[in-house]
Amino acid sequence: MWDQNTEKLGVTGHRGCKAYMAENTLESFREAFRLHVDVLEFDVHMCRDGHLVVLHDDMVDRTTDGTGCVHFKTLAEIKALDAGVKFGFPGLRIPTLREALECIVKDGYPELHLNVEIKDQRPNCIDATIAMLEEFGVLERSVIASFNAQSLLYVQDNYPHVKTQGQPPVCMSQYDERVLDRMYGMGVPVGSSKLPTDEDILAVVKLANDHGIEAWGYHADNRAAAEHLIQLGFTNITANDPHDLIAYLDEIGRRVGK
């Protein structure tokens, strides 16, 4: 899927299928599987006792009934939190990365690719995440994503066989231009205040293309947004609501594998 031609587009399910289900939960992943997305995107942190958990924010406040920083909590404390109640699905739990990968291997499909955004910049979290992806046999169909250029350089230096995905230079922290030389994908936030115009977007798409980097846009959750991102030249589009995007790409014959 990663090496697709520009006539076909892939669909990435953002934190699973967050438009319909509590984000970054196993239930959200299974909904994305039901829609048969091309890529599943999710986020990884390491909690206090070294366990890897799937969660977007540093803090648990927005997505759970708890408070505080995930890095200061044990896995038992993380597991006691309700990750669904704020989204209308009480009783859901924050999965560990191991639980997420067990779900992906059991309920997913071999052509599903993974976009694994490591939110925790500590090297031990990066090392442990890559090791677990390898353990489950999914590393070759995964890309490691980060907004931090130094984290990507760490992956590129220590795991040169692993695909990495960064952001446009203006969107990355601790930016170092060397990261572009070995970056596989570039996630481009359409509508971001850092890239306010189509001209800004087209410039970073050109930058990606000039470096042989796949340009992936986000987000498109309706027909108008999808049409806009297609016109901007992306080869993969991330959606909170993959259902509408998939239906539209199927309709116009631009979906990967169709």
C-alpha atoms as a PDB file:
ATOM      1  CA  MET A   1       0.000   0.000   0.000  1.00  0.00           C
ATOM      2  CA  TRP A   2       2.777   2.442   0.857  1.00  0.00           C
ATOM      3  CA  ASP A   3       4.181   2.430  -2.676  1.00  0.00           C
ATOM      4  CA  GLN A   4       0.922   3.168  -4.429  1.00  0.00           C
ATOM      5  CA  ASN A   5       0.648   5.174  -7.625  1.00  0.00           C
ATOM      6  CA  THR A   6      -0.800   8.671  -7.514  1.00  0.00           C
ATOM      7  CA  GLU A   7      -4.021   7.600  -9.257  1.00  0.00           C
ATOM      8  CA  LYS A   8      -5.147   5.599  -6.234  1.00  0.00           C
ATOM      9  CA  LEU A   9      -5.528   6.766  -2.655  1.00  0.00           C
ATOM     10  CA  GLY A  10      -5.327   4.938   0.630  1.00  0.00           C
ATOM     11  CA  VAL A  11      -7.551   5.628   3.638  1.00  0.00           C
ATOM     12  CA  THR A  12      -6.193   5.865   7.177  1.00  0.00           C
ATOM     13  CA  GLY A  13      -8.525   5.398  10.135  1.00  0.00           C
ATOM     14  CA  HIS A  14      -7.587   8.069  12.687  1.00  0.00           C
ATOM     15  CA  ARG A  15      -7.258   6.498  16.155  1.00  0.00           C
ATOM     16  CA  GLY A  16      -9.384   3.738  14.729  1.00  0.00           C
ATOM     17  CA  CYS A  17     -12.771   5.146  13.796  1.00  0.00           C
ATOM     18  CA  LYS A  18     -13.099   8.022  16.264  1.00  0.00           C
ATOM     19  CA  ALA A  19     -16.165   9.554  14.635  1.00  0.00           C
ATOM     20  CA  TYR A  20     -18.240   6.580  15.846  1.00  0.00           C
ATOM     21  CA  MET A  21     -16.368   5.047  18.772  1.00  0.00           C
ATOM     22  CA  ALA A  22     -14.151   6.093  21.683  1.00  0.00           C
ATOM     23  CA  GLU A  23     -10.757   6.812  20.128  1.00  0.00           C
ATOM     24  CA  ASN A  24      -7.775   4.471  20.483  1.00  0.00           C
ATOM     25  CA  THR A  25      -9.846   1.668  21.974  1.00  0.00           C
ATOM     26  CA  LEU A  26     -10.065  -1.878  20.669  1.00  0.00           C
ATOM     27  CA  GLU A  27     -13.697  -1.209  19.795  1.00  0.00           C
ATOM     28  CA  SER A  28     -12.638   1.773  17.677  1.00  0.00           C
ATOM     29  CA  PHE A  29     -10.073  -0.403  15.894  1.00  0.00           C
ATOM     30  CA  ARG A  30     -12.649  -3.104  15.165  1.00  0.00           C
ATOM     31  CA  GLU A  31     -14.979  -0.519  13.644  1.00  0.00           C
ATOM     32  CA  ALA A  32     -12.126   0.572  11.363  1.00  0.00           C
ATOM     33  CA  PHE A  33     -11.549  -3.090  10.446  1.00  0.00           C
ATOM     34  CA  ARG A  34     -15.238  -3.423   9.565  1.00  0.00           C
ATOM     35  CA  LEU A  35     -14.834  -0.562   7.094  1.00  0.00           C
ATOM     36  CA  HIS A  36     -11.638  -2.183   5.766  1.00  0.00           C
ATOM     37  CA  VAL A  37      -9.379   0.864   6.045  1.00  0.00           C
ATOM     38  CA  ASP A  38      -5.977   0.645   4.390  1.00  0.00           C
ATOM     39  CA  VAL A  39      -4.061   2.029   7.379  1.00  0.00           C
ATOM     40  CA  LEU A  40      -4.840   2.049  11.099  1.00  0.00           C
ATOM     41  CA  GLU A  41      -3.394   5.021  13.005  1.00  0.00           C
ATOM     42  CA  PHE A  42      -2.902   4.996  16.776  1.00  0.00           C
ATOM     43  CA  ASP A  43      -0.688   6.496  19.490  1.00  0.00           C
ATOM     44  CA  VAL A  44       1.688   5.023  22.058  1.00  0.00           C
ATOM     45  CA  HIS A  45       2.909   6.123  25.497  1.00  0.00           C
ATOM     46  CA  MET A  46       4.877   4.345  28.214  1.00  0.00           C
ATOM     47  CA  CYS A  47       3.429   4.403  31.709  1.00  0.00           C
ATOM     48  CA  ARG A  48       5.378   4.529  34.970  1.00  0.00           C
ATOM     49  CA  ASP A  49       6.078   0.809  35.279  1.00  0.00           C
ATOM     50  CA  GLY A  50       7.274   0.426  31.692  1.00  0.00           C
ATOM     51  CA  HIS A  51       4.121  -0.871  30.016  1.00  0.00           C
ATOM     52  CA  LEU A  52       3.173   0.521  26.605  1.00  0.00           C
ATOM     53  CA  VAL A  53      -0.360   1.867  26.317  1.00  0.00           C
ATOM     54  CA  VAL A  54      -2.412   3.213  23.409  1.00  0.00           C
ATOM     55  CA  LEU A  55      -3.451   6.776  24.201  1.00  0.00           C
ATOM     56  CA  HIS A  56      -3.178  10.089  22.358  1.00  0.00           C
ATOM     57  CA  ASP A  57      -2.661  12.691  25.084  1.00  0.00           C
ATOM     58  CA  ASP A  58       0.040  12.966  27.724  1.00  0.00           C
ATOM     59  CA  MET A  59      -2.796  13.520  30.188  1.00  0.00           C
ATOM     60  CA  VAL A  60      -5.714  11.162  30.714  1.00  0.00           C
ATOM     61  CA  ASP A  61      -8.164  13.982  31.489  1.00  0.00           C
ATOM     62  CA  ARG A  62      -9.732  14.512  28.020  1.00  0.00           C
ATOM     63  CA  THR A  63     -10.476  10.897  27.134  1.00  0.00           C
ATOM     64  CA  THR A  64     -11.122   9.207  30.495  1.00  0.00           C
ATOM     65  CA  ASP A  65     -12.835   9.748  33.824  1.00  0.00           C
ATOM     66  CA  GLY A  66      -9.442  10.254  35.486  1.00  0.00           C
ATOM     67  CA  THR A  67      -6.853  13.000  35.794  1.00  0.00           C
ATOM     68  CA  GLY A  68      -3.084  13.216  35.596  1.00  0.00           C
ATOM     69  CA  CYS A  69      -0.164  12.313  33.379  1.00  0.00           C
ATOM     70  CA  VAL A  70      -0.002   8.830  31.887  1.00  0.00           C
ATOM     71  CA  HIS A  71       3.769   8.663  32.448  1.00  0.00           C
ATOM     72  CA  PHE A  72       3.261   8.923  36.219  1.00  0.00           C
ATOM     73  CA  LYS A  73       0.637   6.187  36.437  1.00  0.00           C
ATOM     74  CA  THR A  74       1.090   2.432  36.710  1.00  0.00           C
ATOM     75  CA  LEU A  75      -0.636   0.108  34.288  1.00  0.00           C
ATOM     76  CA  ALA A  76      -3.066  -0.896  37.038  1.00  0.00           C
ATOM     77  CA  GLU A  77      -4.013   2.754  37.504  1.00  0.00           C
ATOM     78  CA  ILE A  78      -4.401   3.211  33.744  1.00  0.00           C
ATOM     79  CA  LYS A  79      -6.595   0.118  33.492  1.00  0.00           C
ATOM     80  CA  ALA A  80      -8.888   1.413  36.235  1.00  0.00           C
ATOM     81  CA  LEU A  81      -9.887   4.381  34.056  1.00  0.00           C
ATOM     82  CA  ASP A  82     -12.987   4.444  31.867  1.00  0.00           C
ATOM     83  CA  ALA A  83     -11.908   5.339  28.327  1.00  0.00           C
ATOM     84  CA  GLY A  84     -15.403   5.346  26.859  1.00  0.00           C
ATOM     85  CA  VAL A  85     -17.707   7.179  29.239  1.00  0.00           C
ATOM     86  CA  LYS A  86     -16.943  10.649  27.822  1.00  0.00           C
ATOM     87  CA  PHE A  87     -17.789   9.403  24.322  1.00  0.00           C
ATOM     88  CA  GLY A  88     -21.033   7.669  25.234  1.00  0.00           C
ATOM     89  CA  PHE A  89     -19.546   4.182  25.559  1.00  0.00           C
ATOM     90  CA  PRO A  90     -19.005   3.570  29.287  1.00  0.00           C
ATOM     91  CA  GLY A  91     -16.880   0.651  30.379  1.00  0.00           C
ATOM     92  CA  LEU A  92     -14.216   0.754  27.673  1.00  0.00           C
ATOM     93  CA  ARG A  93     -10.564   0.574  28.719  1.00  0.00           C
ATOM     94  CA  ILE A  94      -7.269   1.981  27.490  1.00  0.00           C
ATOM     95  CA  PRO A  95      -5.567  -0.920  25.711  1.00  0.00           C
ATOM     96  CA  THR A  96      -1.953  -1.856  26.104  1.00  0.00           C
ATOM     97  CA  LEU A  97       0.052  -1.961  22.891  1.00  0.00           C
ATOM     98  CA  ARG A  98       0.187  -5.740  23.286  1.00  0.00           C
ATOM     99  CA  GLU A  99      -3.603  -5.941  23.474  1.00  0.00           C
ATOM    100  CA  ALA A 100      -3.896  -3.653  20.449  1.00  0.00           C
ATOM    101  CA  LEU A 101      -1.534  -5.801  18.390  1.00  0.00           C
ATOM    102  CA  GLU A 102      -3.285  -8.997  19.470  1.00  0.00           C
ATOM    103  CA  CYS A 103      -6.519  -7.442  18.238  1.00  0.00           C
ATOM    104  CA  ILE A 104      -4.909  -6.341  14.956  1.00  0.00           C
ATOM    105  CA  VAL A 105      -3.434  -9.776  14.289  1.00  0.00           C
ATOM    106  CA  LYS A 106      -6.629 -11.623  15.277  1.00  0.00           C
ATOM    107  CA  ASP A 107      -9.348  -9.373  13.858  1.00  0.00           C
ATOM    108  CA  GLY A 108      -7.486  -7.343  11.207  1.00  0.00           C
ATOM    109  CA  TYR A 109      -6.280  -8.428   7.775  1.00  0.00           C
ATOM    110  CA  PRO A 110      -2.821  -9.007   6.244  1.00  0.00           C
ATOM    111  CA  GLU A 111      -2.998  -5.990   3.923  1.00  0.00           C
ATOM    112  CA  LEU A 112      -3.736  -3.598   6.815  1.00  0.00           C
ATOM    113  CA  HIS A 113      -0.860  -1.183   7.416  1.00  0.00           C
ATOM    114  CA  LEU A 114      -0.139   0.529  10.714  1.00  0.00           C
ATOM    115  CA  ASN A 115       0.723   4.156  11.407  1.00  0.00           C
ATOM    116  CA  VAL A 116       2.159   4.074  14.920  1.00  0.00           C
ATOM    117  CA  GLU A 117       2.659   7.537  16.363  1.00  0.00           C
ATOM    118  CA  ILE A 118       5.020   7.385  19.335  1.00  0.00           C
ATOM    119  CA  LYS A 119       3.968  10.283  21.536  1.00  0.00           C
ATOM    120  CA  ASP A 120       6.476   9.435  24.268  1.00  0.00           C
ATOM    121  CA  GLN A 121       9.877  10.672  23.019  1.00  0.00           C
ATOM    122  CA  ARG A 122      12.005   8.605  25.424  1.00  0.00           C
ATOM    123  CA  PRO A 123      14.296   6.135  23.613  1.00  0.00           C
ATOM    124  CA  ASN A 124      13.164   3.225  25.797  1.00  0.00           C
ATOM    125  CA  CYS A 125       9.584   3.780  24.638  1.00  0.00           C
ATOM    126  CA  ILE A 126      10.674   3.902  20.991  1.00  0.00           C
ATOM    127  CA  ASP A 127      12.824   0.769  21.398  1.00  0.00           C
ATOM    128  CA  ALA A 128      10.085  -1.160  23.162  1.00  0.00           C
ATOM    129  CA  THR A 129       7.453  -0.171  20.606  1.00  0.00           C
ATOM    130  CA  ILE A 130       9.567  -1.289  17.649  1.00  0.00           C
ATOM    131  CA  ALA A 131      10.481  -4.524  19.437  1.00  0.00           C
ATOM    132  CA  MET A 132       6.830  -5.339  20.041  1.00  0.00           C
ATOM    133  CA  LEU A 133       5.843  -4.573  16.447  1.00  0.00           C
ATOM    134  CA  GLU A 134       8.579  -6.968  15.373  1.00  0.00           C
ATOM    135  CA  GLU A 135       7.439  -9.588  17.883  1.00  0.00           C
ATOM    136  CA  PHE A 136       3.948  -9.574  16.344  1.00  0.00           C
ATOM    137  CA  GLY A 137       5.301  -9.728  12.802  1.00  0.00           C
ATOM    138  CA  VAL A 138       3.826  -6.383  11.725  1.00  0.00           C
ATOM    139  CA  LEU A 139       6.922  -4.173  11.642  1.00  0.00           C
ATOM    140  CA  GLU A 140       7.320  -4.435   7.872  1.00  0.00           C
ATOM    141  CA  ARG A 141       3.816  -3.087   7.348  1.00  0.00           C
ATOM    142  CA  SER A 142       4.217  -0.316   9.929  1.00  0.00           C
ATOM    143  CA  VAL A 143       5.492   3.237   9.811  1.00  0.00           C
ATOM    144  CA  ILE A 144       6.732   5.001  12.943  1.00  0.00           C
ATOM    145  CA  ALA A 145       5.387   8.547  13.169  1.00  0.00           C
ATOM    146  CA  SER A 146       6.361  11.503  15.334  1.00  0.00           C
ATOM    147  CA  PHE A 147       6.088  15.288  15.438  1.00  0.00           C
ATOM    148  CA  ASN A 148       9.583  15.368  16.979  1.00  0.00           C
ATOM    149  CA  ALA A 149      12.445  15.331  14.473  1.00  0.00           C
ATOM    150  CA  GLN A 150      14.972  14.040  17.011  1.00  0.00           C
ATOM    151  CA  SER A 151      12.792  11.005  17.714  1.00  0.00           C
ATOM    152  CA  LEU A 152      12.633  10.224  14.014  1.00  0.00           C
ATOM    153  CA  LEU A 153      16.393  10.655  13.673  1.00  0.00           C
ATOM    154  CA  TYR A 154      16.805   8.189  16.549  1.00  0.00           C
ATOM    155  CA  VAL A 155      14.672   5.645  14.672  1.00  0.00           C
ATOM    156  CA  GLN A 156      16.447   6.314  11.382  1.00  0.00           C
ATOM    157  CA  ASP A 157      19.906   5.953  12.949  1.00  0.00           C
ATOM    158  CA  ASN A 158      19.159   2.867  15.029  1.00  0.00           C
ATOM    159  CA  TYR A 159      16.553   1.109  12.880  1.00  0.00           C
ATOM    160  CA  PRO A 160      17.380   2.048   9.275  1.00  0.00           C
ATOM    161  CA  HIS A 161      15.037  -0.651   7.964  1.00  0.00           C
ATOM    162  CA  VAL A 162      12.014   0.930   9.675  1.00  0.00           C
ATOM    163  CA  LYS A 163       9.813   3.392   7.787  1.00  0.00           C
ATOM    164  CA  THR A 164       9.333   6.791   9.426  1.00  0.00           C
ATOM    165  CA  GLN A 165       6.732   9.501   9.000  1.00  0.00           C
ATOM    166  CA  GLY A 166       7.214  13.096  10.047  1.00  0.00           C
ATOM    167  CA  GLN A 167       5.504  16.400   9.423  1.00  0.00           C
ATOM    168  CA  PRO A 168       6.274  19.502   7.370  1.00  0.00           C
ATOM    169  CA  PRO A 169       9.305  21.318   8.845  1.00  0.00           C
ATOM    170  CA  VAL A 170       7.147  24.112  10.271  1.00  0.00           C
ATOM    171  CA  CYS A 171       5.062  21.560  12.188  1.00  0.00           C
ATOM    172  CA  MET A 172       7.913  19.546  13.739  1.00  0.00           C
ATOM    173  CA  SER A 173       9.616  20.197  17.057  1.00  0.00           C
ATOM    174  CA  GLN A 174      13.429  20.101  17.299  1.00  0.00           C
ATOM    175  CA  TYR A 175      13.541  20.168  13.526  1.00  0.00           C
ATOM    176  CA  ASP A 176      16.669  18.950  11.745  1.00  0.00           C
ATOM    177  CA  GLU A 177      16.707  18.918   7.942  1.00  0.00           C
ATOM    178  CA  ARG A 178      18.585  15.591   7.955  1.00  0.00           C
ATOM    179  CA  VAL A 179      15.331  13.885   8.883  1.00  0.00           C
ATOM    180  CA  LEU A 180      13.976  14.493   5.368  1.00  0.00           C
ATOM    181  CA  ASP A 181      16.661  12.381   3.720  1.00  0.00           C
ATOM    182  CA  ARG A 182      15.316   9.150   5.240  1.00  0.00           C
ATOM    183  CA  MET A 183      11.668   9.987   5.900  1.00  0.00           C
ATOM    184  CA  TYR A 184       9.178   7.723   4.165  1.00  0.00           C
ATOM    185  CA  GLY A 185       5.957   9.663   4.720  1.00  0.00           C
ATOM    186  CA  MET A 186       4.985  13.228   5.555  1.00  0.00           C
ATOM    187  CA  GLY A 187       1.686  13.848   7.315  1.00  0.00           C
ATOM    188  CA  VAL A 188       0.335  17.229   6.276  1.00  0.00           C
ATOM    189  CA  PRO A 189      -2.348  18.911   8.428  1.00  0.00           C
ATOM    190  CA  VAL A 190      -4.687  20.648   5.993  1.00  0.00           C
ATOM    191  CA  GLY A 191      -6.328  23.623   7.682  1.00  0.00           C
ATOM    192  CA  SER A 192      -3.568  24.040  10.264  1.00  0.00           C
ATOM    193  CA  SER A 193      -2.716  27.591  11.331  1.00  0.00           C
ATOM    194  CA  LYS A 194       0.887  26.755  10.438  1.00  0.00           C
ATOM    195  CA  LEU A 195      -0.138  25.975   6.847  1.00  0.00           C
ATOM    196  CA  PRO A 196      -3.056  28.358   6.319  1.00  0.00           C
ATOM    197  CA  THR A 197      -3.298  28.431   2.517  1.00  0.00           C
ATOM    198  CA  ASP A 198      -3.402  25.957  -0.344  1.00  0.00           C
ATOM    199  CA  GLU A 199      -0.149  27.500  -1.570  1.00  0.00           C
ATOM    200  CA  ASP A 200       1.485  26.526   1.749  1.00  0.00           C
ATOM    201  CA  ILE A 201       0.137  22.992   1.415  1.00  0.00           C
ATOM    202  CA  LEU A 202       1.281  22.645  -2.191  1.00  0.00           C
ATOM    203  CA  ALA A 203       4.768  23.828  -1.197  1.00  0.00           C
ATOM    204  CA  VAL A 204       5.161  21.073   1.409  1.00  0.00           C
ATOM    205  CA  VAL A 205       3.699  18.460  -0.964  1.00  0.00           C
ATOM    206  CA  LYS A 206       6.360  19.526  -3.473  1.00  0.00           C
ATOM    207  CA  LEU A 207       9.019  19.352  -0.734  1.00  0.00           C
ATOM    208  CA  ALA A 208       7.910  15.804   0.053  1.00  0.00           C
ATOM    209  CA  ASN A 209       7.874  14.796  -3.605  1.00  0.00           C
ATOM    210  CA  ASP A 210      11.314  16.313  -4.188  1.00  0.00           C
ATOM    211  CA  HIS A 211      12.687  14.099  -1.390  1.00  0.00           C
ATOM    212  CA  GLY A 212      10.860  10.973  -2.549  1.00  0.00           C
ATOM    213  CA  ILE A 213       8.528  11.153   0.464  1.00  0.00           C
ATOM    214  CA  GLU A 214       4.876  10.079   0.348  1.00  0.00           C
ATOM    215  CA  ALA A 215       2.609  13.065   1.102  1.00  0.00           C
ATOM    216  CA  TRP A 216      -0.346  12.056   3.300  1.00  0.00           C
ATOM    217  CA  GLY A 217      -3.097  14.562   4.138  1.00  0.00           C
ATOM    218  CA  TYR A 218      -5.403  14.858   7.105  1.00  0.00           C
ATOM    219  CA  HIS A 219      -8.323  15.047   7.730  1.00  0.00           C
ATOM    220  CA  ALA A 220     -11.200  14.526   5.272  1.00  0.00           C
ATOM    221  CA  ASP A 221     -14.544  13.476   6.705  1.00  0.00           C
ATOM    222  CA  ASN A 222     -16.869  14.541   3.903  1.00  0.00           C
ATOM    223  CA  ARG A 223     -16.975  14.752   0.107  1.00  0.00           C
ATOM    224  CA  ALA A 224     -15.874  18.396  -0.127  1.00  0.00           C
ATOM    225  CA  ALA A 225     -12.849  17.833   2.116  1.00  0.00           C
ATOM    226  CA  ALA A 226     -11.902  14.690   0.188  1.00  0.00           C
ATOM    227  CA  GLU A 227     -12.111  16.506  -3.140  1.00  0.00           C
ATOM    228  CA  HIS A 228      -9.911  19.272  -1.736  1.00  0.00           C
ATOM    229  CA  LEU A 229      -7.213  16.896  -0.464  1.00  0.00           C
ATOM    230  CA  ILE A 230      -7.201  14.963  -3.736  1.00  0.00           C
ATOM    231  CA  GLN A 231      -6.656  18.196  -5.638  1.00  0.00           C
ATOM    232  CA  LEU A 232      -3.688  18.974  -3.377  1.00  0.00           C
ATOM    233  CA  GLY A 233      -1.926  15.816  -4.549  1.00  0.00           C
ATOM    234  CA  PHE A 234      -1.979  13.493  -1.541  1.00  0.00           C
ATOM    235  CA  THR A 235      -1.657   9.722  -1.923  1.00  0.00           C
ATOM    236  CA  ASN A 236      -3.204   8.831   1.436  1.00  0.00           C
ATOM    237  CA  ILE A 237      -5.934  10.586   3.397  1.00  0.00           C
ATOM    238  CA  THR A 238      -6.631  10.239   7.109  1.00  0.00           C
ATOM    239  CA  ALA A 239     -10.234  10.354   8.287  1.00  0.00           C
ATOM    240  CA  ASN A 240     -12.029  10.420  11.607  1.00  0.00           C
ATOM    241  CA  ASP A 241     -14.974   9.043   9.627  1.00  0.00           C
ATOM    242  CA  PRO A 242     -13.483   6.564   7.128  1.00  0.00           C
ATOM    243  CA  HIS A 243     -16.942   5.420   6.027  1.00  0.00           C
ATOM    244  CA  ASP A 244     -17.764   8.540   3.996  1.00  0.00           C
ATOM    245  CA  LEU A 245     -14.254   8.850   2.561  1.00  0.00           C
ATOM    246  CA  ILE A 246     -14.177   5.196   1.470  1.00  0.00           C
ATOM    247  CA  ALA A 247     -17.610   5.498  -0.128  1.00  0.00           C
ATOM    248  CA  TYR A 248     -16.514   8.578  -2.054  1.00  0.00           C
ATOM    249  CA  LEU A 249     -13.233   7.065  -3.288  1.00  0.00           C
ATOM    250  CA  ASP A 250     -15.069   3.898  -4.329  1.00  0.00           C
ATOM    251  CA  GLU A 251     -17.578   6.037  -6.207  1.00  0.00           C
ATOM    252  CA  ILE A 252     -14.913   7.855  -8.225  1.00  0.00           C
ATOM    253  CA  GLY A 253     -12.730   4.762  -8.682  1.00  0.00           C
ATOM    254  CA  ARG A 254      -9.734   6.138  -6.797  1.00  0.00           C
ATOM    255  CA  ARG A 255      -9.519   3.680  -3.882  1.00  0.00           C
ATOM    256  CA  VAL A 256      -6.409   1.520  -3.427  1.00  0.00           C
ATOM    257  CA  GLY A 257      -7.071  -2.068  -4.491  1.00  0.00           C
ATOM    258  CA  LYS A 258     -10.263  -1.203  -6.355  1.00  0.00           C
END
